[in-house]
């Protein structure tokens, strides 16, 4: 199973889906469908998500940043 960029950032921060959902003020189920790409989140939610994960939101989560993180591991 391929990890989504959001999940990679979440795991990198050491957060569970439930913990991140609590920080964002949304349900775990909603975060899960956004994370899996089933639902496209709105701009305001993506901004809150980027802030909670400590990354920049540039039309999605930057692929370059994820690749750089993978190389460091």
PDB file of N, CA and C in Angstrom:
ATOM      1  N   UNK A   1       0.842  -1.182   0.000  1.00  0.00           N
ATOM      2  CA  UNK A   1       0.000   0.000   0.000  1.00  0.00           C
ATOM      3  C   UNK A   1       0.883   1.240   0.000  1.00  0.00           C
ATOM      4  N   UNK A   2       0.634   2.125  -0.915  1.00  0.00           N
ATOM      5  CA  UNK A   2       1.411   3.356  -1.009  1.00  0.00           C
ATOM      6  C   UNK A   2       0.958   4.343   0.060  1.00  0.00           C
ATOM      7  N   UNK A   3       1.916   4.975   0.680  1.00  0.00           N
ATOM      8  CA  UNK A   3       1.590   6.005   1.667  1.00  0.00           C
ATOM      9  C   UNK A   3       1.307   7.311   0.956  1.00  0.00           C
ATOM     10  N   UNK A   4       0.268   8.003   1.400  1.00  0.00           N
ATOM     11  CA  UNK A   4      -0.018   9.319   0.841  1.00  0.00           C
ATOM     12  C   UNK A   4       0.905  10.344   1.485  1.00  0.00           C
ATOM     13  N   UNK A   5       1.029  11.469   0.833  1.00  0.00           N
ATOM     14  CA  UNK A   5       1.899  12.523   1.383  1.00  0.00           C
ATOM     15  C   UNK A   5       1.419  12.973   2.758  1.00  0.00           C
ATOM     16  N   UNK A   6       0.114  13.102   2.919  1.00  0.00           N
ATOM     17  CA  UNK A   6      -0.415  13.532   4.216  1.00  0.00           C
ATOM     18  C   UNK A   6      -0.051  12.520   5.285  1.00  0.00           C
ATOM     19  N   UNK A   7      -0.213  11.241   4.985  1.00  0.00           N
ATOM     20  CA  UNK A   7       0.100  10.207   5.967  1.00  0.00           C
ATOM     21  C   UNK A   7       1.591  10.205   6.304  1.00  0.00           C
ATOM     22  N   UNK A   8       2.425  10.424   5.315  1.00  0.00           N
ATOM     23  CA  UNK A   8       3.865  10.474   5.567  1.00  0.00           C
ATOM     24  C   UNK A   8       4.193  11.595   6.546  1.00  0.00           C
ATOM     25  N   UNK A   9       3.630  12.779   6.316  1.00  0.00           N
ATOM     26  CA  UNK A   9       3.866  13.892   7.235  1.00  0.00           C
ATOM     27  C   UNK A   9       3.315  13.576   8.625  1.00  0.00           C
ATOM     28  N   UNK A  10       2.136  12.965   8.685  1.00  0.00           N
ATOM     29  CA  UNK A  10       1.521  12.639   9.978  1.00  0.00           C
ATOM     30  C   UNK A  10       2.374  11.646  10.750  1.00  0.00           C
ATOM     31  N   UNK A  11       2.817  10.599  10.083  1.00  0.00           N
ATOM     32  CA  UNK A  11       3.649   9.583  10.737  1.00  0.00           C
ATOM     33  C   UNK A  11       4.985  10.193  11.159  1.00  0.00           C
ATOM     34  N   UNK A  12       5.528  11.045  10.311  1.00  0.00           N
ATOM     35  CA  UNK A  12       6.789  11.718  10.624  1.00  0.00           C
ATOM     36  C   UNK A  12       6.680  12.535  11.907  1.00  0.00           C
ATOM     37  N   UNK A  13       5.508  13.143  12.119  1.00  0.00           N
ATOM     38  CA  UNK A  13       5.264  13.928  13.337  1.00  0.00           C
ATOM     39  C   UNK A  13       4.939  13.044  14.532  1.00  0.00           C
ATOM     40  N   UNK A  14       4.763  11.740  14.299  1.00  0.00           N
ATOM     41  CA  UNK A  14       4.456  10.824  15.392  1.00  0.00           C
ATOM     42  C   UNK A  14       3.015  10.911  15.861  1.00  0.00           C
ATOM     43  N   UNK A  15       2.114  11.300  14.961  1.00  0.00           N
ATOM     44  CA  UNK A  15       0.708  11.462  15.322  1.00  0.00           C
ATOM     45  C   UNK A  15      -0.134  10.324  14.768  1.00  0.00           C
ATOM     46  N   UNK A  16      -1.123   9.915  15.531  1.00  0.00           N
ATOM     47  CA  UNK A  16      -2.105   8.973  15.012  1.00  0.00           C
ATOM     48  C   UNK A  16      -3.159   9.786  14.257  1.00  0.00           C
ATOM     49  N   UNK A  17      -3.967   9.093  13.489  1.00  0.00           N
ATOM     50  CA  UNK A  17      -5.049   9.760  12.760  1.00  0.00           C
ATOM     51  C   UNK A  17      -6.000  10.437  13.755  1.00  0.00           C
ATOM     52  N   UNK A  18      -6.285   9.778  14.855  1.00  0.00           N
ATOM     53  CA  UNK A  18      -7.185  10.319  15.874  1.00  0.00           C
ATOM     54  C   UNK A  18      -6.600  11.579  16.512  1.00  0.00           C
ATOM     55  N   UNK A  19      -5.308  11.571  16.818  1.00  0.00           N
ATOM     56  CA  UNK A  19      -4.668  12.742  17.423  1.00  0.00           C
ATOM     57  C   UNK A  19      -4.684  13.946  16.482  1.00  0.00           C
ATOM     58  N   UNK A  20      -4.348  13.703  15.213  1.00  0.00           N
ATOM     59  CA  UNK A  20      -4.335  14.802  14.253  1.00  0.00           C
ATOM     60  C   UNK A  20      -5.744  15.331  14.022  1.00  0.00           C
ATOM     61  N   UNK A  21      -6.717  14.447  13.944  1.00  0.00           N
ATOM     62  CA  UNK A  21      -8.107  14.878  13.770  1.00  0.00           C
ATOM     63  C   UNK A  21      -8.534  15.763  14.946  1.00  0.00           C
ATOM     64  N   UNK A  22      -8.124  15.396  16.151  1.00  0.00           N
ATOM     65  CA  UNK A  22      -8.438  16.212  17.325  1.00  0.00           C
ATOM     66  C   UNK A  22      -7.824  17.600  17.238  1.00  0.00           C
ATOM     67  N   UNK A  23      -6.610  17.679  16.760  1.00  0.00           N
ATOM     68  CA  UNK A  23      -5.953  18.983  16.599  1.00  0.00           C
ATOM     69  C   UNK A  23      -6.644  19.832  15.539  1.00  0.00           C
ATOM     70  N   UNK A  24      -7.192  19.169  14.531  1.00  0.00           N
ATOM     71  CA  UNK A  24      -7.835  19.886  13.428  1.00  0.00           C
ATOM     72  C   UNK A  24      -9.297  20.193  13.689  1.00  0.00           C
ATOM     73  N   UNK A  25      -9.868  19.541  14.706  1.00  0.00           N
ATOM     74  CA  UNK A  25     -11.275  19.747  15.003  1.00  0.00           C
ATOM     75  C   UNK A  25     -12.200  19.066  14.008  1.00  0.00           C
ATOM     76  N   UNK A  26     -11.768  17.927  13.485  1.00  0.00           N
ATOM     77  CA  UNK A  26     -12.605  17.165  12.553  1.00  0.00           C
ATOM     78  C   UNK A  26     -12.674  15.722  13.040  1.00  0.00           C
ATOM     79  N   UNK A  27     -13.495  14.929  12.406  1.00  0.00           N
ATOM     80  CA  UNK A  27     -13.596  13.526  12.812  1.00  0.00           C
ATOM     81  C   UNK A  27     -12.427  12.727  12.234  1.00  0.00           C
ATOM     82  N   UNK A  28     -12.115  11.635  12.884  1.00  0.00           N
ATOM     83  CA  UNK A  28     -11.062  10.745  12.391  1.00  0.00           C
ATOM     84  C   UNK A  28     -11.456  10.187  11.031  1.00  0.00           C
ATOM     85  N   UNK A  29     -12.744   9.903  10.865  1.00  0.00           N
ATOM     86  CA  UNK A  29     -13.237   9.355   9.598  1.00  0.00           C
ATOM     87  C   UNK A  29     -13.012  10.336   8.450  1.00  0.00           C
ATOM     88  N   UNK A  30     -13.283  11.637   8.694  1.00  0.00           N
ATOM     89  CA  UNK A  30     -13.079  12.642   7.645  1.00  0.00           C
ATOM     90  C   UNK A  30     -11.598  12.756   7.294  1.00  0.00           C
ATOM     91  N   UNK A  31     -10.750  12.826   8.305  1.00  0.00           N
ATOM     92  CA  UNK A  31      -9.314  12.916   8.051  1.00  0.00           C
ATOM     93  C   UNK A  31      -8.838  11.695   7.271  1.00  0.00           C
ATOM     94  N   UNK A  32      -9.350  10.541   7.607  1.00  0.00           N
ATOM     95  CA  UNK A  32      -8.957   9.314   6.929  1.00  0.00           C
ATOM     96  C   UNK A  32      -9.301   9.346   5.438  1.00  0.00           C
ATOM     97  N   UNK A  33     -10.505   9.809   5.094  1.00  0.00           N
ATOM     98  CA  UNK A  33     -10.873   9.844   3.672  1.00  0.00           C
ATOM     99  C   UNK A  33     -10.098  10.921   2.914  1.00  0.00           C
ATOM    100  N   UNK A  34      -9.756  12.009   3.593  1.00  0.00           N
ATOM    101  CA  UNK A  34      -8.905  13.032   2.971  1.00  0.00           C
ATOM    102  C   UNK A  34      -7.507  12.456   2.767  1.00  0.00           C
ATOM    103  N   UNK A  35      -6.996  11.795   3.794  1.00  0.00           N
ATOM    104  CA  UNK A  35      -5.656  11.209   3.741  1.00  0.00           C
ATOM    105  C   UNK A  35      -5.545  10.161   2.632  1.00  0.00           C
ATOM    106  N   UNK A  36      -6.592   9.395   2.430  1.00  0.00           N
ATOM    107  CA  UNK A  36      -6.579   8.340   1.411  1.00  0.00           C
ATOM    108  C   UNK A  36      -6.941   8.842   0.024  1.00  0.00           C
ATOM    109  N   UNK A  37      -7.317  10.108  -0.094  1.00  0.00           N
ATOM    110  CA  UNK A  37      -7.620  10.679  -1.387  1.00  0.00           C
ATOM    111  C   UNK A  37      -9.035  10.423  -1.876  1.00  0.00           C
ATOM    112  N   UNK A  38      -9.895   9.879  -1.018  1.00  0.00           N
ATOM    113  CA  UNK A  38     -11.279   9.626  -1.394  1.00  0.00           C
ATOM    114  C   UNK A  38     -12.049  10.929  -1.511  1.00  0.00           C
ATOM    115  N   UNK A  39     -11.725  11.903  -0.649  1.00  0.00           N
ATOM    116  CA  UNK A  39     -12.373  13.209  -0.637  1.00  0.00           C
ATOM    117  C   UNK A  39     -11.287  14.274  -0.748  1.00  0.00           C
ATOM    118  N   UNK A  40     -11.562  15.279  -1.548  1.00  0.00           N
ATOM    119  CA  UNK A  40     -10.626  16.400  -1.665  1.00  0.00           C
ATOM    120  C   UNK A  40     -11.026  17.466  -0.645  1.00  0.00           C
ATOM    121  N   UNK A  41     -10.101  17.795   0.233  1.00  0.00           N
ATOM    122  CA  UNK A  41     -10.369  18.775   1.288  1.00  0.00           C
ATOM    123  C   UNK A  41     -10.382  20.189   0.717  1.00  0.00           C
ATOM    124  N   UNK A  42     -11.125  21.058   1.368  1.00  0.00           N
ATOM    125  CA  UNK A  42     -11.178  22.458   0.976  1.00  0.00           C
ATOM    126  C   UNK A  42      -9.891  23.184   1.336  1.00  0.00           C
ATOM    127  N   UNK A  43      -9.741  24.373   0.791  1.00  0.00           N
ATOM    128  CA  UNK A  43      -8.518  25.157   0.998  1.00  0.00           C
ATOM    129  C   UNK A  43      -8.277  25.472   2.474  1.00  0.00           C
ATOM    130  N   UNK A  44      -9.329  25.846   3.195  1.00  0.00           N
ATOM    131  CA  UNK A  44      -9.167  26.193   4.611  1.00  0.00           C
ATOM    132  C   UNK A  44      -8.700  24.975   5.411  1.00  0.00           C
ATOM    133  N   UNK A  45      -9.271  23.812   5.112  1.00  0.00           N
ATOM    134  CA  UNK A  45      -8.866  22.600   5.823  1.00  0.00           C
ATOM    135  C   UNK A  45      -7.420  22.248   5.486  1.00  0.00           C
ATOM    136  N   UNK A  46      -7.049  22.368   4.209  1.00  0.00           N
ATOM    137  CA  UNK A  46      -5.662  22.063   3.817  1.00  0.00           C
ATOM    138  C   UNK A  46      -4.685  22.999   4.508  1.00  0.00           C
ATOM    139  N   UNK A  47      -5.072  24.250   4.686  1.00  0.00           N
ATOM    140  CA  UNK A  47      -4.194  25.201   5.379  1.00  0.00           C
ATOM    141  C   UNK A  47      -4.025  24.817   6.843  1.00  0.00           C
ATOM    142  N   UNK A  48      -5.127  24.442   7.500  1.00  0.00           N
ATOM    143  CA  UNK A  48      -5.048  23.993   8.902  1.00  0.00           C
ATOM    144  C   UNK A  48      -4.220  22.723   9.011  1.00  0.00           C
ATOM    145  N   UNK A  49      -4.382  21.834   8.053  1.00  0.00           N
ATOM    146  CA  UNK A  49      -3.635  20.588   8.040  1.00  0.00           C
ATOM    147  C   UNK A  49      -2.142  20.848   7.895  1.00  0.00           C
ATOM    148  N   UNK A  50      -1.779  21.713   6.963  1.00  0.00           N
ATOM    149  CA  UNK A  50      -0.370  22.053   6.762  1.00  0.00           C
ATOM    150  C   UNK A  50       0.227  22.674   8.022  1.00  0.00           C
ATOM    151  N   UNK A  51      -0.525  23.553   8.669  1.00  0.00           N
ATOM    152  CA  UNK A  51      -0.045  24.182   9.898  1.00  0.00           C
ATOM    153  C   UNK A  51       0.142  23.147  11.006  1.00  0.00           C
ATOM    154  N   UNK A  52      -0.813  22.243  11.144  1.00  0.00           N
ATOM    155  CA  UNK A  52      -0.732  21.209  12.186  1.00  0.00           C
ATOM    156  C   UNK A  52       0.433  20.255  11.946  1.00  0.00           C
ATOM    157  N   UNK A  53       0.771  20.031  10.672  1.00  0.00           N
ATOM    158  CA  UNK A  53       1.861  19.109  10.344  1.00  0.00           C
ATOM    159  C   UNK A  53       3.207  19.812  10.194  1.00  0.00           C
ATOM    160  N   UNK A  54       3.193  21.138  10.260  1.00  0.00           N
ATOM    161  CA  UNK A  54       4.447  21.887  10.172  1.00  0.00           C
ATOM    162  C   UNK A  54       5.066  21.843   8.787  1.00  0.00           C
ATOM    163  N   UNK A  55       4.238  21.907   7.754  1.00  0.00           N
ATOM    164  CA  UNK A  55       4.765  21.909   6.396  1.00  0.00           C
ATOM    165  C   UNK A  55       4.043  22.982   5.590  1.00  0.00           C
ATOM    166  N   UNK A  56       4.564  23.260   4.409  1.00  0.00           N
ATOM    167  CA  UNK A  56       3.939  24.248   3.540  1.00  0.00           C
ATOM    168  C   UNK A  56       2.933  23.557   2.639  1.00  0.00           C
ATOM    169  N   UNK A  57       1.810  24.200   2.457  1.00  0.00           N
ATOM    170  CA  UNK A  57       0.784  23.665   1.566  1.00  0.00           C
ATOM    171  C   UNK A  57       0.851  24.451   0.277  1.00  0.00           C
ATOM    172  N   UNK A  58       1.353  23.810  -0.760  1.00  0.00           N
ATOM    173  CA  UNK A  58       1.474  24.466  -2.065  1.00  0.00           C
ATOM    174  C   UNK A  58       0.733  23.619  -3.093  1.00  0.00           C
ATOM    175  N   UNK A  59      -0.576  23.820  -3.169  1.00  0.00           N
ATOM    176  CA  UNK A  59      -1.368  23.049  -4.118  1.00  0.00           C
ATOM    177  C   UNK A  59      -1.355  21.565  -3.774  1.00  0.00           C
ATOM    178  N   UNK A  60      -1.299  21.248  -2.525  1.00  0.00           N
ATOM    179  CA  UNK A  60      -1.132  19.878  -2.060  1.00  0.00           C
ATOM    180  C   UNK A  60       0.129  19.838  -1.239  1.00  0.00           C
ATOM    181  N   UNK A  61       0.500  18.712  -0.800  1.00  0.00           N
ATOM    182  CA  UNK A  61       1.713  18.624  -0.004  1.00  0.00           C
ATOM    183  C   UNK A  61       2.877  18.344  -0.923  1.00  0.00           C
ATOM    184  N   UNK A  62       3.891  19.192  -0.825  1.00  0.00           N
ATOM    185  CA  UNK A  62       4.994  19.197  -1.781  1.00  0.00           C
ATOM    186  C   UNK A  62       5.666  17.840  -1.892  1.00  0.00           C
ATOM    187  N   UNK A  63       5.672  17.288  -3.083  1.00  0.00           N
ATOM    188  CA  UNK A  63       6.309  15.993  -3.327  1.00  0.00           C
ATOM    189  C   UNK A  63       7.807  16.068  -3.023  1.00  0.00           C
ATOM    190  N   UNK A  64       8.411  17.203  -3.370  1.00  0.00           N
ATOM    191  CA  UNK A  64       9.842  17.357  -3.135  1.00  0.00           C
ATOM    192  C   UNK A  64      10.192  17.191  -1.659  1.00  0.00           C
ATOM    193  N   UNK A  65       9.394  17.769  -0.782  1.00  0.00           N
ATOM    194  CA  UNK A  65       9.657  17.681   0.655  1.00  0.00           C
ATOM    195  C   UNK A  65       9.551  16.241   1.132  1.00  0.00           C
ATOM    196  N   UNK A  66       8.581  15.502   0.603  1.00  0.00           N
ATOM    197  CA  UNK A  66       8.422  14.108   0.992  1.00  0.00           C
ATOM    198  C   UNK A  66       9.607  13.294   0.513  1.00  0.00           C
ATOM    199  N   UNK A  67      10.029  13.524  -0.731  1.00  0.00           N
ATOM    200  CA  UNK A  67      11.171  12.785  -1.269  1.00  0.00           C
ATOM    201  C   UNK A  67      12.434  13.088  -0.473  1.00  0.00           C
ATOM    202  N   UNK A  68      12.606  14.350  -0.084  1.00  0.00           N
ATOM    203  CA  UNK A  68      13.777  14.721   0.716  1.00  0.00           C
ATOM    204  C   UNK A  68      13.740  14.001   2.055  1.00  0.00           C
ATOM    205  N   UNK A  69      12.561  13.874   2.652  1.00  0.00           N
ATOM    206  CA  UNK A  69      12.441  13.178   3.927  1.00  0.00           C
ATOM    207  C   UNK A  69      12.785  11.703   3.762  1.00  0.00           C
ATOM    208  N   UNK A  70      12.324  11.093   2.683  1.00  0.00           N
ATOM    209  CA  UNK A  70      12.608   9.669   2.437  1.00  0.00           C
ATOM    210  C   UNK A  70      14.111   9.450   2.293  1.00  0.00           C
ATOM    211  N   UNK A  71      14.809  10.368   1.620  1.00  0.00           N
ATOM    212  CA  UNK A  71      16.255  10.216   1.426  1.00  0.00           C
ATOM    213  C   UNK A  71      17.009  10.297   2.747  1.00  0.00           C
ATOM    214  N   UNK A  72      16.500  11.077   3.696  1.00  0.00           N
ATOM    215  CA  UNK A  72      17.192  11.248   4.985  1.00  0.00           C
ATOM    216  C   UNK A  72      17.068  10.032   5.873  1.00  0.00           C
ATOM    217  N   UNK A  73      16.057   9.203   5.664  1.00  0.00           N
ATOM    218  CA  UNK A  73      15.798   8.057   6.538  1.00  0.00           C
ATOM    219  C   UNK A  73      16.868   7.036   6.471  1.00  0.00           C
TER     220      UNK A  73
END
